[in-house]
């Protein structure tokens, strides 16, 4: 089998959260999914990367992003063979605590030990989003675990690697559904759950607009970009059972006010908790009976 070549569009910037938020919003408006973005940072700068199988596609994104003229961002293009990139990226990924209970262990690390009293979740992915390293994933996972024993059914909107489904199952869910617009992400989620001897009752490739609401859930998590959270507010809320709870995440600090205002306007929805980090935020709501 011939070695695949990947073309990396690199967006290098300072660690200023405002710049980072602007870049992510710009990428989402250009049609780039969260699950397609690989994020790295060191002491001096942050780097967001998007990979393409053809140089033509990579150059198109490079050209479109340059046309936005966002200050403080350098746009670079690099070529890698797939094996070299995956090896280089995995060197920086180590086991870590996702929640007070769940400890994430990369599948490729041999003989990794889970701390006593923790629940291991063995995870494999080809991208940095959905590993639990990102604030939006961590916030969602922690809010799910905080409600341990208080829900039986769970829906994950935009599942990525399936990590939130796992946390929900560890937290007492007996029925789970999940979907993602990215078919590759759904395959990764299936594999991750299988490795951990977990099962999602329904795991599908779908977007929010075309998802068919067949039942309501005690707990719903939607880790999406702000545009989708706002545009599909009513659809997302309709998935929550009366008395159930809703977690929304993927909200930059700049967009907190907009999202809070939008969801506070929804009839029968009460905000219970707001989690805020360096760049991102998450909300927990209850749907009043």
Protein backbone atom coordinates (compact mmCIF):
# COMPACT_ATOMS: atom_id res chain seq x y z
CA UNK A 1 0.00 0.00 0.00
CA UNK A 2 1.38 3.42 -0.94
CA UNK A 3 2.06 5.97 1.77
CA UNK A 4 -0.54 8.74 1.92
CA UNK A 5 0.51 12.38 1.79
CA UNK A 6 -1.22 15.01 3.89
CA UNK A 7 -1.13 18.76 3.34
CA UNK A 8 -1.23 20.84 6.51
CA UNK A 9 -2.57 24.39 6.63
CA UNK A 10 -1.05 25.94 9.76
CA UNK A 11 -2.50 28.99 11.48
CA UNK A 12 0.15 30.25 13.89
CA UNK A 13 -0.78 32.98 16.38
CA UNK A 14 -0.11 34.37 19.84
CA UNK A 15 -1.81 32.83 22.88
CA UNK A 16 -4.21 35.78 23.10
CA UNK A 17 -7.67 34.16 23.61
CA UNK A 18 -9.38 36.86 21.55
CA UNK A 19 -7.24 36.04 18.50
CA UNK A 20 -7.79 32.32 19.03
CA UNK A 21 -11.55 32.81 19.20
CA UNK A 22 -11.57 34.90 16.01
CA UNK A 23 -9.60 32.22 14.17
CA UNK A 24 -11.93 29.40 15.23
CA UNK A 25 -15.02 31.39 14.29
CA UNK A 26 -13.45 32.15 10.91
CA UNK A 27 -12.69 28.45 10.35
CA UNK A 28 -16.24 27.45 11.23
CA UNK A 29 -17.61 30.02 8.81
CA UNK A 30 -15.37 28.51 6.14
CA UNK A 31 -16.99 25.13 6.78
CA UNK A 32 -14.25 23.58 8.94
CA UNK A 33 -15.56 21.22 11.63
CA UNK A 34 -14.18 21.28 15.20
CA UNK A 35 -13.25 17.62 14.75
CA UNK A 36 -11.03 18.53 11.77
CA UNK A 37 -8.87 20.99 13.74
CA UNK A 38 -5.68 19.89 15.47
CA UNK A 39 -4.56 22.30 18.19
CA UNK A 40 -1.07 22.59 19.69
CA UNK A 41 0.67 25.22 21.78
CA UNK A 42 3.97 25.91 23.45
CA UNK A 43 5.23 28.69 25.71
CA UNK A 44 5.23 31.29 22.95
CA UNK A 45 2.41 30.58 20.53
CA UNK A 46 -0.64 28.53 19.58
CA UNK A 47 -1.05 26.60 16.37
CA UNK A 48 -4.24 25.35 14.70
CA UNK A 49 -3.87 22.92 11.83
CA UNK A 50 -6.23 21.50 9.24
CA UNK A 51 -5.18 18.57 7.03
CA UNK A 52 -6.14 17.77 3.44
CA UNK A 53 -5.41 14.84 1.13
CA UNK A 54 -4.77 17.16 -1.85
CA UNK A 55 -2.59 20.24 -2.17
CA UNK A 56 -5.37 21.97 -4.13
CA UNK A 57 -7.81 21.79 -1.20
CA UNK A 58 -5.13 22.98 1.23
CA UNK A 59 -4.25 25.96 -0.94
CA UNK A 60 -7.92 26.88 -1.27
CA UNK A 61 -8.25 27.13 2.52
CA UNK A 62 -4.95 29.02 2.74
CA UNK A 63 -6.16 31.53 0.14
CA UNK A 64 -9.60 31.98 1.75
CA UNK A 65 -8.13 32.51 5.20
CA UNK A 66 -5.54 35.01 3.98
CA UNK A 67 -8.34 37.01 2.39
CA UNK A 68 -9.86 37.54 5.85
CA UNK A 69 -6.78 39.54 6.92
CA UNK A 70 -6.94 38.59 10.60
CA UNK A 71 -4.14 40.41 12.42
CA UNK A 72 -1.51 38.44 14.29
CA UNK A 73 -2.01 35.18 12.38
CA UNK A 74 0.55 33.58 10.06
CA UNK A 75 -0.74 31.08 7.50
CA UNK A 76 1.68 28.35 6.42
CA UNK A 77 1.45 25.24 4.23
CA UNK A 78 3.43 22.06 4.92
CA UNK A 79 3.56 18.59 3.39
CA UNK A 80 3.76 15.38 5.48
CA UNK A 81 3.43 11.70 4.90
CA UNK A 82 0.61 10.47 7.11
CA UNK A 83 2.73 8.15 9.27
CA UNK A 84 5.26 10.84 10.15
CA UNK A 85 2.54 13.30 11.17
CA UNK A 86 0.64 10.85 13.37
CA UNK A 87 3.87 9.73 15.08
CA UNK A 88 4.96 13.33 15.74
CA UNK A 89 1.57 14.40 17.10
CA UNK A 90 1.17 11.41 19.44
CA UNK A 91 4.49 12.12 21.17
CA UNK A 92 2.88 15.01 23.04
CA UNK A 93 -0.26 13.17 24.13
CA UNK A 94 -0.17 11.56 27.58
CA UNK A 95 -2.76 10.07 29.97
CA UNK A 96 -4.72 12.70 31.91
CA UNK A 97 -7.71 13.21 34.21
CA UNK A 98 -10.78 14.22 32.20
CA UNK A 99 -13.09 14.38 35.22
CA UNK A 100 -12.67 13.57 38.92
CA UNK A 101 -13.57 9.98 38.01
CA UNK A 102 -12.52 9.34 34.39
CA UNK A 103 -8.87 9.01 33.37
CA UNK A 104 -8.15 9.11 29.61
CA UNK A 105 -5.41 6.80 28.33
CA UNK A 106 -4.25 6.96 24.67
CA UNK A 107 -4.56 3.51 23.09
CA UNK A 108 -1.08 3.66 21.58
CA UNK A 109 0.67 3.96 24.97
CA UNK A 110 1.64 0.47 26.06
CA UNK A 111 1.43 -0.59 29.71
CA UNK A 112 -0.13 2.73 30.79
CA UNK A 113 -1.52 2.52 34.33
CA UNK A 114 -4.74 4.08 35.55
CA UNK A 115 -4.62 5.74 38.99
CA UNK A 116 -6.27 3.78 41.79
CA UNK A 117 -9.95 4.63 42.15
CA UNK A 118 -10.24 6.08 38.63
CA UNK A 119 -12.16 4.70 35.65
CA UNK A 120 -9.96 4.34 32.54
CA UNK A 121 -11.19 5.29 29.09
CA UNK A 122 -8.88 4.08 26.32
CA UNK A 123 -9.03 6.52 23.44
CA UNK A 124 -7.66 6.70 19.94
CA UNK A 125 -8.08 9.57 17.50
CA UNK A 126 -6.30 11.25 14.61
CA UNK A 127 -7.20 14.76 15.74
CA UNK A 128 -6.82 16.78 18.94
CA UNK A 129 -10.50 17.68 19.22
CA UNK A 130 -12.55 15.18 21.17
CA UNK A 131 -9.64 13.81 23.18
CA UNK A 132 -10.77 15.73 26.23
CA UNK A 133 -7.81 18.07 26.02
CA UNK A 134 -10.03 20.85 24.73
CA UNK A 135 -11.92 22.99 27.28
CA UNK A 136 -15.27 22.45 25.58
CA UNK A 137 -15.00 18.65 25.86
CA UNK A 138 -13.74 18.77 29.46
CA UNK A 139 -16.51 21.11 30.57
CA UNK A 140 -19.18 18.88 29.00
CA UNK A 141 -17.71 15.72 30.54
CA UNK A 142 -17.52 17.29 34.00
CA UNK A 143 -21.11 18.52 33.85
CA UNK A 144 -22.28 15.05 32.81
CA UNK A 145 -20.41 13.41 35.70
CA UNK A 146 -21.75 16.04 38.10
CA UNK A 147 -25.22 14.63 37.36
CA UNK A 148 -24.21 11.02 37.99
CA UNK A 149 -27.18 8.87 38.96
CA UNK A 150 -29.67 11.58 38.01
CA UNK A 151 -30.32 10.45 34.42
CA UNK A 152 -30.96 7.22 32.56
CA UNK A 153 -31.11 8.36 28.94
CA UNK A 154 -28.49 10.50 27.18
CA UNK A 155 -28.11 12.15 23.77
CA UNK A 156 -24.76 13.41 22.44
CA UNK A 157 -25.16 16.00 19.67
CA UNK A 158 -21.89 16.12 17.71
CA UNK A 159 -20.23 13.14 19.36
CA UNK A 160 -16.73 13.38 17.87
CA UNK A 161 -14.70 10.55 19.45
CA UNK A 162 -17.59 9.27 21.57
CA UNK A 163 -15.93 10.35 24.79
CA UNK A 164 -19.06 12.03 26.21
CA UNK A 165 -21.12 8.90 25.57
CA UNK A 166 -18.56 6.99 27.62
CA UNK A 167 -18.76 9.48 30.51
CA UNK A 168 -22.56 9.25 30.41
CA UNK A 169 -22.43 5.45 30.58
CA UNK A 170 -19.93 5.61 33.44
CA UNK A 171 -22.33 8.03 35.17
CA UNK A 172 -25.33 5.71 35.10
CA UNK A 173 -26.97 6.08 31.67
CA UNK A 174 -28.71 2.91 30.50
CA UNK A 175 -29.75 4.23 27.07
CA UNK A 176 -27.61 6.45 24.84
CA UNK A 177 -27.85 7.95 21.38
CA UNK A 178 -25.25 10.01 19.52
CA UNK A 179 -24.68 11.47 16.09
CA UNK A 180 -22.12 13.51 14.21
CA UNK A 181 -22.05 15.15 10.80
CA UNK A 182 -18.61 13.61 10.14
CA UNK A 183 -18.78 9.92 9.12
CA UNK A 184 -15.12 9.42 10.06
CA UNK A 185 -15.83 10.73 13.57
CA UNK A 186 -18.70 8.25 13.94
CA UNK A 187 -16.38 5.39 12.95
CA UNK A 188 -13.80 6.57 15.51
CA UNK A 189 -16.50 6.79 18.17
CA UNK A 190 -17.67 3.25 17.39
CA UNK A 191 -14.12 1.91 17.67
CA UNK A 192 -13.42 3.78 20.92
CA UNK A 193 -16.58 2.50 22.60
CA UNK A 194 -15.88 -1.05 21.42
CA UNK A 195 -12.33 -0.99 22.82
CA UNK A 196 -13.77 0.04 26.20
CA UNK A 197 -16.52 -2.61 26.08
CA UNK A 198 -19.20 0.07 25.93
CA UNK A 199 -22.22 0.33 23.65
CA UNK A 200 -24.20 3.25 22.30
CA UNK A 201 -27.74 2.19 21.39
CA UNK A 202 -27.89 4.48 18.35
CA UNK A 203 -24.78 6.00 16.74
CA UNK A 204 -25.41 7.71 13.41
CA UNK A 205 -23.99 10.08 10.80
CA UNK A 206 -26.31 13.08 10.68
CA UNK A 207 -26.46 16.84 11.16
CA UNK A 208 -28.66 18.64 13.67
CA UNK A 209 -31.07 19.91 11.03
CA UNK A 210 -31.92 16.42 9.75
CA UNK A 211 -31.83 14.56 13.06
CA UNK A 212 -35.23 12.96 13.68
CA UNK A 213 -36.39 13.41 17.27
CA UNK A 214 -38.01 10.06 18.10
CA UNK A 215 -37.89 10.37 21.89
CA UNK A 216 -36.81 12.74 24.64
CA UNK A 217 -33.79 12.33 26.92
CA UNK A 218 -33.05 12.94 30.58
CA UNK A 219 -29.74 14.59 29.62
CA UNK A 220 -28.64 16.11 26.31
CA UNK A 221 -25.15 17.42 25.52
CA UNK A 222 -24.56 19.63 22.48
CA UNK A 223 -20.92 20.60 21.97
CA UNK A 224 -21.26 22.70 18.80
CA UNK A 225 -20.18 26.01 17.34
CA UNK A 226 -22.18 29.05 18.47
CA UNK A 227 -23.89 29.46 15.09
CA UNK A 228 -25.42 25.97 15.30
CA UNK A 229 -26.35 26.31 18.97
CA UNK A 230 -28.30 29.48 18.13
CA UNK A 231 -29.76 28.33 14.81
CA UNK A 232 -30.97 24.97 16.14
CA UNK A 233 -31.90 26.03 19.67
CA UNK A 234 -35.50 24.84 19.49
CA UNK A 235 -34.54 21.53 17.85
CA UNK A 236 -31.94 20.83 20.54
CA UNK A 237 -34.29 21.75 23.39
CA UNK A 238 -37.02 19.53 21.93
CA UNK A 239 -34.76 16.53 22.58
CA UNK A 240 -34.80 17.19 26.35
CA UNK A 241 -37.49 15.49 28.45
CA UNK A 242 -39.57 17.63 30.85
CA UNK A 243 -37.52 17.90 34.03
CA UNK A 244 -34.42 16.85 32.10
CA UNK A 245 -31.19 18.76 31.66
CA UNK A 246 -29.27 20.27 28.75
CA UNK A 247 -25.54 20.93 28.43
CA UNK A 248 -24.38 23.28 25.69
CA UNK A 249 -20.71 23.89 25.01
CA UNK A 250 -18.35 25.08 22.27
CA UNK A 251 -19.06 28.72 23.17
CA UNK A 252 -16.19 31.20 23.07
CA UNK A 253 -16.15 33.82 25.83
CA UNK A 254 -16.92 36.45 23.20
CA UNK A 255 -20.19 34.65 22.37
CA UNK A 256 -21.30 33.88 25.93
CA UNK A 257 -23.74 36.78 26.18
CA UNK A 258 -25.37 35.96 22.84
CA UNK A 259 -25.88 32.28 23.67
CA UNK A 260 -27.09 32.96 27.19
CA UNK A 261 -29.61 35.52 25.92
CA UNK A 262 -30.81 33.17 23.18
CA UNK A 263 -31.38 30.22 25.52
CA UNK A 264 -32.79 32.29 28.38
CA UNK A 265 -35.54 33.38 25.98
CA UNK A 266 -36.62 29.76 25.52
CA UNK A 267 -39.84 29.07 27.41
CA UNK A 268 -39.45 26.56 30.22
CA UNK A 269 -35.65 26.57 30.36
CA UNK A 270 -33.76 27.50 33.54
CA UNK A 271 -29.99 28.10 33.72
CA UNK A 272 -28.44 26.06 36.54
CA UNK A 273 -24.71 26.55 36.02
CA UNK A 274 -22.19 28.39 33.85
CA UNK A 275 -18.65 27.03 33.48
CA UNK A 276 -16.07 29.46 32.18
CA UNK A 277 -12.43 28.81 31.21
CA UNK A 278 -9.61 30.72 29.57
CA UNK A 279 -11.30 30.86 26.16
CA UNK A 280 -14.47 28.78 26.26
CA UNK A 281 -17.63 28.31 28.28
CA UNK A 282 -20.45 25.84 28.85
CA UNK A 283 -23.99 26.08 30.24
CA UNK A 284 -26.20 23.66 32.15
CA UNK A 285 -29.97 24.14 31.88
CA UNK A 286 -33.03 22.36 33.25
CA UNK A 287 -36.19 21.99 31.21
CA UNK A 288 -38.97 22.83 33.65
CA UNK A 289 -41.77 20.25 33.78
